Protein backbone atom coordinates (compact mmCIF):
# COMPACT_ATOMS: atom_id res chain seq x y z
CA MET A 1 48.38 178.89 296.08
CA ALA A 2 46.81 175.46 296.70
CA ILE A 3 43.16 174.68 297.23
CA THR A 4 43.79 174.48 300.99
CA ASN A 5 44.81 178.14 300.98
CA ALA A 6 41.91 179.34 298.86
CA THR A 7 38.97 181.31 300.22
CA SER A 8 36.15 179.41 301.91
CA THR A 9 33.90 180.07 298.92
CA VAL A 10 36.36 178.50 296.48
CA GLN A 11 36.93 175.56 298.82
CA ALA A 12 33.16 175.02 299.00
CA ILE A 13 32.90 175.15 295.20
CA PHE A 14 35.67 172.57 294.91
CA ALA A 15 34.04 170.38 297.58
CA LEU A 16 30.65 170.47 295.84
CA HIS A 17 32.16 169.54 292.48
CA THR A 18 34.03 166.68 294.15
CA ALA A 19 30.94 165.54 296.05
CA THR A 20 28.88 165.51 292.84
CA ALA A 21 31.48 163.35 291.09
CA GLY A 22 31.73 161.03 294.11
CA LEU A 23 27.96 160.64 294.49
CA ALA A 24 27.63 159.99 290.75
CA LEU A 25 30.19 157.20 291.09
CA LEU A 26 28.33 155.64 294.03
CA MET A 27 25.03 155.87 292.16
CA LEU A 28 26.65 154.32 289.07
CA ILE A 29 27.85 151.37 291.15
CA THR A 30 24.39 151.05 292.71
CA ALA A 31 22.72 151.15 289.29
CA GLY A 32 25.09 148.45 288.06
CA LEU A 33 24.30 146.22 291.04
CA VAL A 34 20.55 146.76 290.60
CA PHE A 35 20.79 145.87 286.93
CA LEU A 36 22.80 142.73 287.64
CA LYS A 37 20.29 141.68 290.30
CA GLN A 38 17.37 142.18 287.92
CA LEU A 39 19.27 140.39 285.18
CA LYS A 40 19.83 137.43 287.50
CA SER A 41 16.19 137.35 288.57
CA GLY A 42 15.02 137.32 284.97
CA THR A 43 13.30 140.72 284.71
CA SER A 44 16.00 141.94 282.33
CA ARG A 45 16.90 138.65 280.66
CA PRO A 46 16.96 139.02 276.85
CA GLY A 47 13.66 137.63 275.64
CA GLY A 48 12.27 137.44 279.15
CA TRP A 49 10.00 140.43 278.64
CA LYS A 50 9.62 140.42 274.89
CA ARG A 51 6.53 138.22 274.72
CA PHE A 52 3.85 137.17 277.14
CA SER A 53 0.64 137.41 275.08
CA TYR A 54 -0.02 139.71 272.19
CA ASN A 55 -3.67 139.59 273.17
CA ALA A 56 -2.66 142.00 275.92
CA GLY A 57 -1.22 144.56 273.52
CA ALA A 58 2.49 145.41 273.36
CA PRO A 59 5.23 143.19 274.84
CA ARG A 60 6.35 143.85 278.41
CA HIS A 61 9.45 145.97 279.00
CA SER A 62 12.14 145.47 281.60
CA SER A 63 14.36 148.18 283.06
CA LEU A 64 17.00 147.63 280.36
CA GLY A 65 16.13 150.82 278.46
CA THR A 66 16.06 152.85 281.66
CA HIS A 67 19.43 151.47 282.76
CA PHE A 68 21.08 152.27 279.44
CA TRP A 69 20.33 155.99 279.75
CA LEU A 70 20.77 156.03 283.53
CA MET A 71 24.21 154.43 283.65
CA SER A 72 25.43 156.46 280.67
CA GLY A 73 24.24 159.65 282.35
CA LEU A 74 25.83 158.82 285.71
CA PHE A 75 29.15 157.91 284.10
CA ASN A 76 29.30 161.18 282.16
CA LEU A 77 28.17 163.18 285.20
CA MET A 78 31.01 161.65 287.20
CA VAL A 79 33.54 162.48 284.47
CA ALA A 80 32.19 166.03 284.04
CA TYR A 81 32.49 167.06 287.67
CA ALA A 82 35.73 165.22 288.33
CA ALA A 83 37.11 167.37 285.51
CA GLN A 84 35.44 170.49 286.94
CA ALA A 85 36.91 169.86 290.39
CA ALA A 86 40.36 169.45 288.85
CA ILE A 87 39.89 172.71 286.92
CA VAL A 88 39.05 174.63 290.11
CA ALA A 89 42.10 173.14 291.86
CA LEU A 90 44.34 174.30 289.01
CA GLN A 91 42.67 177.71 288.81
CA THR A 92 43.67 178.41 292.42
CA ARG A 93 47.26 178.30 291.17
CA THR A 94 46.77 180.72 288.28
CA ASN A 95 44.65 183.49 289.84
CA SER A 96 41.85 182.64 287.43
CA PRO A 97 38.03 182.79 287.77
CA PHE A 98 36.72 179.53 289.15
CA SER A 99 34.56 177.36 286.87
CA ILE A 100 30.97 176.74 287.92
CA THR A 101 29.16 175.96 284.66
CA SER A 102 29.84 176.24 280.93
CA MET A 103 28.51 179.81 281.01
CA TYR A 104 29.53 181.17 284.41
CA SER A 105 32.73 181.38 286.48
CA TYR A 106 33.10 182.80 289.96
CA PRO A 107 35.58 185.74 289.87
CA SER A 108 38.93 185.32 291.64
CA TYR A 109 38.69 188.69 293.49
CA GLY A 110 42.43 189.24 293.58
CA VAL A 111 43.40 186.20 295.64
CA ALA A 112 47.04 185.36 296.24
CA ASN A 113 49.43 185.51 293.30
CA SER A 114 49.74 182.49 291.07
CA VAL A 115 52.42 179.90 291.74
CA THR A 116 55.76 181.17 290.48
CA GLY A 117 56.63 179.67 287.12
CA ALA A 118 53.43 177.62 286.95
CA ASN A 119 51.32 177.67 283.84
CA TYR A 120 48.37 175.34 283.67
CA GLY A 121 46.63 176.85 280.66
CA LYS A 122 46.90 173.69 278.56
CA ASP A 123 45.64 171.42 281.36
CA ILE A 124 42.71 173.71 282.20
CA SER A 125 41.79 173.95 278.52
CA ILE A 126 41.80 170.17 278.04
CA LEU A 127 39.77 169.60 281.21
CA SER A 128 37.24 172.27 280.27
CA PHE A 129 36.63 170.63 276.90
CA LEU A 130 36.33 167.23 278.59
CA TYR A 131 33.80 168.73 281.01
CA GLN A 132 31.77 170.22 278.17
CA PHE A 133 31.85 166.99 276.15
CA ALA A 134 30.56 164.98 279.11
CA SER A 135 27.97 167.65 280.00
CA ILE A 136 26.39 167.42 276.54
CA LEU A 137 26.02 163.66 276.97
CA VAL A 138 24.58 164.12 280.48
CA ASN A 139 21.82 166.39 279.14
CA VAL A 140 21.03 163.92 276.36
CA CYS A 141 20.94 160.99 278.79
CA ILE A 142 18.58 162.84 281.16
CA VAL A 143 16.10 163.42 278.32
CA GLY A 144 16.46 159.81 277.18
CA ALA A 145 16.09 158.38 280.69
CA ILE A 146 12.89 160.29 281.49
CA TRP A 147 11.40 159.47 278.09
CA MET A 148 12.17 155.75 278.13
CA HIS A 149 11.37 155.18 281.80
CA ALA A 150 7.94 156.80 281.68
CA ASN A 151 6.91 155.13 278.41
CA HIS A 152 8.01 151.66 279.46
CA LEU A 153 6.13 151.95 282.74
CA GLU A 154 3.00 152.97 280.87
CA CYS A 155 3.38 150.06 278.47
CA ASN A 156 3.67 147.61 281.37
CA ALA A 157 0.52 148.95 283.01
CA THR A 158 -1.70 149.33 279.93
CA GLY A 159 -0.48 146.86 277.32
CA ILE A 160 -0.40 149.68 274.76
CA LYS A 161 2.77 149.92 272.70
CA ALA A 162 4.91 152.68 274.14
CA PRO A 163 6.83 154.60 273.04
CA GLY A 164 4.90 154.81 269.80
CA PHE A 165 6.07 155.94 266.36
CA ILE A 166 5.39 159.64 266.91
CA SER A 167 7.14 159.56 270.26
CA TRP A 168 10.21 157.92 268.69
CA ILE A 169 10.39 160.53 265.92
CA TRP A 170 9.71 163.45 268.27
CA ASN A 171 12.25 162.52 270.93
CA GLN A 172 14.92 161.33 268.49
CA PHE A 173 14.63 164.75 266.86
CA TRP A 174 15.35 166.44 270.21
CA ILE A 175 18.21 164.09 271.03
CA LEU A 176 19.85 164.50 267.62
CA ALA A 177 19.38 168.28 267.77
CA MET A 178 21.05 168.41 271.20
CA LEU A 179 23.95 166.26 270.03
CA GLY A 180 24.36 168.13 266.74
CA LEU A 181 24.25 171.66 268.16
CA GLY A 182 26.19 170.78 271.31
CA PHE A 183 29.07 169.17 269.48
CA ALA A 184 29.00 171.81 266.74
CA ALA A 185 29.65 174.48 269.39
CA TRP A 186 32.22 172.21 271.04
CA GLY A 187 34.01 171.65 267.72
CA LEU A 188 34.10 175.35 266.82
CA ALA A 189 35.46 176.20 270.25
CA TYR A 190 38.08 173.46 269.96
CA ILE A 191 39.33 174.92 266.68
CA ARG A 192 39.78 178.30 268.41
CA ARG A 193 41.38 177.05 271.64
CA GLY A 194 45.00 177.52 270.57
CA ASN A 195 48.03 175.46 271.57
CA GLY A 196 50.28 174.85 274.54
CA ASN A 197 49.92 176.80 277.76
CA SER A 198 48.32 179.67 275.86
CA ALA A 199 45.30 177.46 275.04
CA LEU A 200 41.95 178.95 276.01
CA TYR A 201 39.32 177.19 278.08
CA PHE A 202 35.76 176.74 276.85
CA LEU A 203 34.06 179.67 278.59
CA SER A 204 36.69 182.17 277.46
CA ILE A 205 36.04 181.12 273.86
CA LEU A 206 32.28 181.50 274.32
CA SER A 207 32.89 185.02 275.56
CA SER A 208 35.08 186.00 272.61
CA SER A 209 33.54 184.12 269.65
CA ASN A 210 30.09 185.29 268.53
CA ILE A 211 29.37 182.33 266.26
CA THR A 212 30.41 179.76 268.91
CA ARG A 213 28.33 181.55 271.52
CA THR A 214 25.30 181.72 269.23
CA ILE A 215 25.39 178.01 268.43
CA PHE A 216 25.95 177.13 272.07
CA VAL A 217 23.04 179.30 273.23
CA THR A 218 20.88 177.59 270.59
CA TYR A 219 21.99 174.22 271.99
CA VAL A 220 21.03 175.28 275.52
CA ALA A 221 17.64 176.52 274.26
CA VAL A 222 17.04 173.18 272.52
CA THR A 223 18.05 171.35 275.72
CA ILE A 224 15.53 173.39 277.69
CA ALA A 225 12.79 172.67 275.14
CA ALA A 226 13.64 168.94 274.99
CA SER A 227 13.66 168.46 278.77
CA THR A 228 10.39 170.39 279.11
CA SER A 229 8.81 168.30 276.35
CA VAL A 230 9.88 165.00 277.87
CA THR A 231 8.52 165.89 281.32
CA ILE A 232 5.17 166.76 279.74
CA GLU A 233 5.20 163.40 277.95
CA ALA A 234 5.97 161.66 281.26
CA LEU A 235 2.94 163.40 282.75
CA LEU A 236 0.83 162.18 279.82
CA CYS A 237 2.14 158.66 280.42
CA LEU A 238 0.91 158.88 284.01
CA THR A 239 -2.49 160.04 282.74
CA GLY A 240 -2.53 157.07 280.39
CA VAL A 241 -1.83 154.65 283.23
CA LYS A 242 -4.67 156.12 285.29
CA LYS A 243 -7.13 155.93 282.39
CA ASN A 244 -6.14 152.70 280.70
CA GLY A 245 -4.28 150.63 283.27
CA PHE A 246 -5.35 147.07 284.00
CA GLY A 247 -4.08 144.01 285.80
CA GLY A 248 -2.42 143.56 289.17
CA THR A 249 0.48 145.92 288.54
CA VAL A 250 -1.47 149.14 287.94
CA THR A 251 -1.43 150.30 291.56
CA ASN A 252 2.34 149.85 291.80
CA THR A 253 2.91 151.50 288.44
CA LYS A 254 0.73 154.51 289.26
CA ARG A 255 2.58 154.96 292.54
CA ILE A 256 6.07 154.55 291.03
CA LEU A 257 5.40 156.67 287.95
CA GLY A 258 3.39 159.27 289.90
CA SER A 259 6.17 159.77 292.45
CA PHE A 260 8.73 160.00 289.66
CA VAL A 261 6.79 162.53 287.58
CA PHE A 262 5.78 164.87 290.40
CA MET A 263 9.33 164.98 291.77
CA VAL A 264 11.28 165.16 288.53
CA LEU A 265 9.06 167.71 286.78
CA PRO A 266 9.68 170.66 289.16
CA ILE A 267 13.41 169.88 289.38
CA VAL A 268 13.76 169.90 285.59
CA TRP A 269 11.73 173.07 285.19
CA VAL A 270 13.63 174.98 287.89
CA ARG A 271 16.92 173.79 286.40
CA ASN A 272 15.74 175.09 283.02
CA ALA A 273 14.91 178.47 284.57
CA PHE A 274 18.46 178.77 285.86
CA SER A 275 19.80 177.73 282.45
CA ILE A 276 17.89 180.66 280.95
CA ALA A 277 19.44 182.93 283.59
CA GLN A 278 22.90 181.72 282.56
CA ILE A 279 22.18 182.51 278.92
CA VAL A 280 21.36 186.09 279.92
CA MET A 281 24.47 186.36 282.10
CA LEU A 282 26.69 185.10 279.30
CA TYR A 283 26.30 188.54 277.70
CA TYR A 284 27.28 190.47 280.86
CA ASN A 285 30.55 191.06 282.67
CA VAL A 286 29.99 189.50 286.09
CA ASN A 287 33.23 191.07 287.39
CA ASN A 288 31.29 194.34 287.70
CA TRP A 289 28.84 192.76 290.15
CA SER A 290 29.30 192.62 293.88
CA ARG A 291 31.13 189.77 295.55
CA THR A 292 28.01 188.79 297.50
CA THR A 293 25.95 188.59 294.31
CA ASN A 294 28.52 186.38 292.62
CA GLN A 295 28.76 184.11 295.67
CA ALA A 296 24.99 183.66 295.66
CA LEU A 297 24.93 183.00 291.91
CA ALA A 298 27.76 180.46 292.16
CA PHE A 299 25.96 178.32 294.71
CA LEU A 300 22.56 178.71 293.07
CA PHE A 301 23.98 177.47 289.76
CA ILE A 302 25.63 174.54 291.54
CA ILE A 303 22.42 173.62 293.38
CA PHE A 304 20.13 174.02 290.37
CA GLY A 305 22.67 172.77 287.85
CA GLU A 306 24.94 169.91 288.80
CA LEU A 307 23.04 168.87 291.94
CA ALA A 308 19.76 169.05 290.02
CA ASN A 309 21.22 166.70 287.40
CA LEU A 310 22.31 164.36 290.17
CA ALA A 311 18.83 164.47 291.72
CA ILE A 312 17.11 163.75 288.38
CA LEU A 313 19.31 160.72 287.74
CA GLY A 314 18.78 159.67 291.36
CA LEU A 315 15.02 159.65 290.79
CA VAL A 316 15.51 157.57 287.65
CA LEU A 317 17.61 155.16 289.71
CA LEU A 318 14.87 154.84 292.31
CA GLY A 319 12.40 154.17 289.52
CA ALA A 320 14.67 151.51 288.03
CA MET A 321 15.02 149.85 291.43
CA SER A 322 11.22 149.60 291.66
CA PHE A 323 10.77 148.54 288.05
CA SER A 324 10.32 144.83 288.81
CA LYS A 325 7.17 145.65 290.78
CA THR A 326 5.49 146.54 287.48
CA LEU A 327 6.26 143.08 286.06
CA ASN A 328 4.98 140.76 288.78
CA VAL A 329 1.52 140.16 287.32
CA ARG A 330 1.25 139.94 283.55
CA PRO A 331 -2.13 140.73 282.00
CA THR A 332 -3.54 138.18 279.60
CA SER A 333 -6.16 140.10 277.65
CA VAL A 334 -7.47 143.50 276.71
CA PRO A 335 -11.17 144.03 276.03
CA ASN A 336 -11.53 144.62 272.28
CA THR A 337 -14.30 147.13 272.84
CA ASN A 338 -11.93 149.45 274.60
CA ARG A 339 -9.00 149.06 272.24
CA GLU A 340 -9.42 152.35 270.36
CA ALA A 341 -10.03 154.23 273.61
CA ARG A 342 -6.75 153.05 275.10
CA ALA A 343 -4.57 155.84 273.71
CA SER A 344 -2.97 158.02 276.35
CA SER A 345 -0.69 160.64 274.79
CA MET A 346 0.84 161.86 271.56
CA SER A 347 3.17 158.85 271.59
CA ARG A 348 0.23 156.45 271.52
CA TYR A 349 -1.86 158.01 268.74
CA THR A 350 -0.21 155.84 266.12
CA ARG A 351 -2.53 152.81 266.38
CA ASP A 352 0.54 150.55 266.30
CA ASP A 353 -1.34 147.97 268.32
CA LYS A 354 -3.71 147.20 265.43
CA SER A 355 -0.95 145.65 263.40
CA GLU A 356 0.07 143.21 266.13
CA LYS A 357 -0.79 139.52 266.09
CA THR A 358 -3.37 138.17 268.45
CA ASP A 359 -1.45 135.07 269.48
CA VAL A 360 2.10 134.13 270.36
């Protein structure tokens, strides 16, 4: 059976995976063009934002840090869902459950028999591990993009060094924990996948291996905690801009950062809620549930999983496109009497600014 002969639900799943990969590619191209334009105009030129006057606090930031995480995230999102779409297309030929996320597959419900003589076990296994590899990097890039974007906007509006020492340690801990646990689970599953057309795909190994499942669930829990933490820090950055902002760019920065925070925060938190739901479901046999329930779950996990990731990176892209508006007017001084009061969040409680020189 080909994808054209599959049920409408499976065709919709395949179409959504393909659309996510296609939109990620378009956004990646757009991000690249935006970065090149800003590079040409000087807002991202190496050294162009590093110094303007240390009397004003920390050096100005361009969108370079934002673009690093953004473009990495979009590339991996494209790879992840191109692989997922290919998996679904192959699964229509093997009478297999159809992949939605790393922890949930939509049951096949006894569709037409598999293609005679066809065995795509090896291909599905390889693609599932490619999907999982890219998905880990997507989650890391989302945390990094929100963290760097919010802190650099605050720095541009306040002149306070951001991210500070504590913020670097705190967020690097989350990023390293996500990478370590994610790839530990990936590596254990890879060892157990088998060979040839009898090779298992990632979710089947999670279902059968307790240690792999435990480490993977821990990774998902850490991802939820890290993304929640970074959205709270972004909110604190916005508070810092409102309290400590100065110069001609504050209005633009408050608007850009405010729109970003109040749109990205609910998306991240709802996505995390559905990640928790998937952890619970990983310990249940969804084949015992009704077809209607599984259809609803499949599309909810797509909407609040892959499409949520796409929306988050889209908001980062919009923020990067507006980044130059926070660099138009460069402040020249900060009142010394207010220096100690100009700390806005846990990432700014380090007093890094006191060690900076007062002239160029």
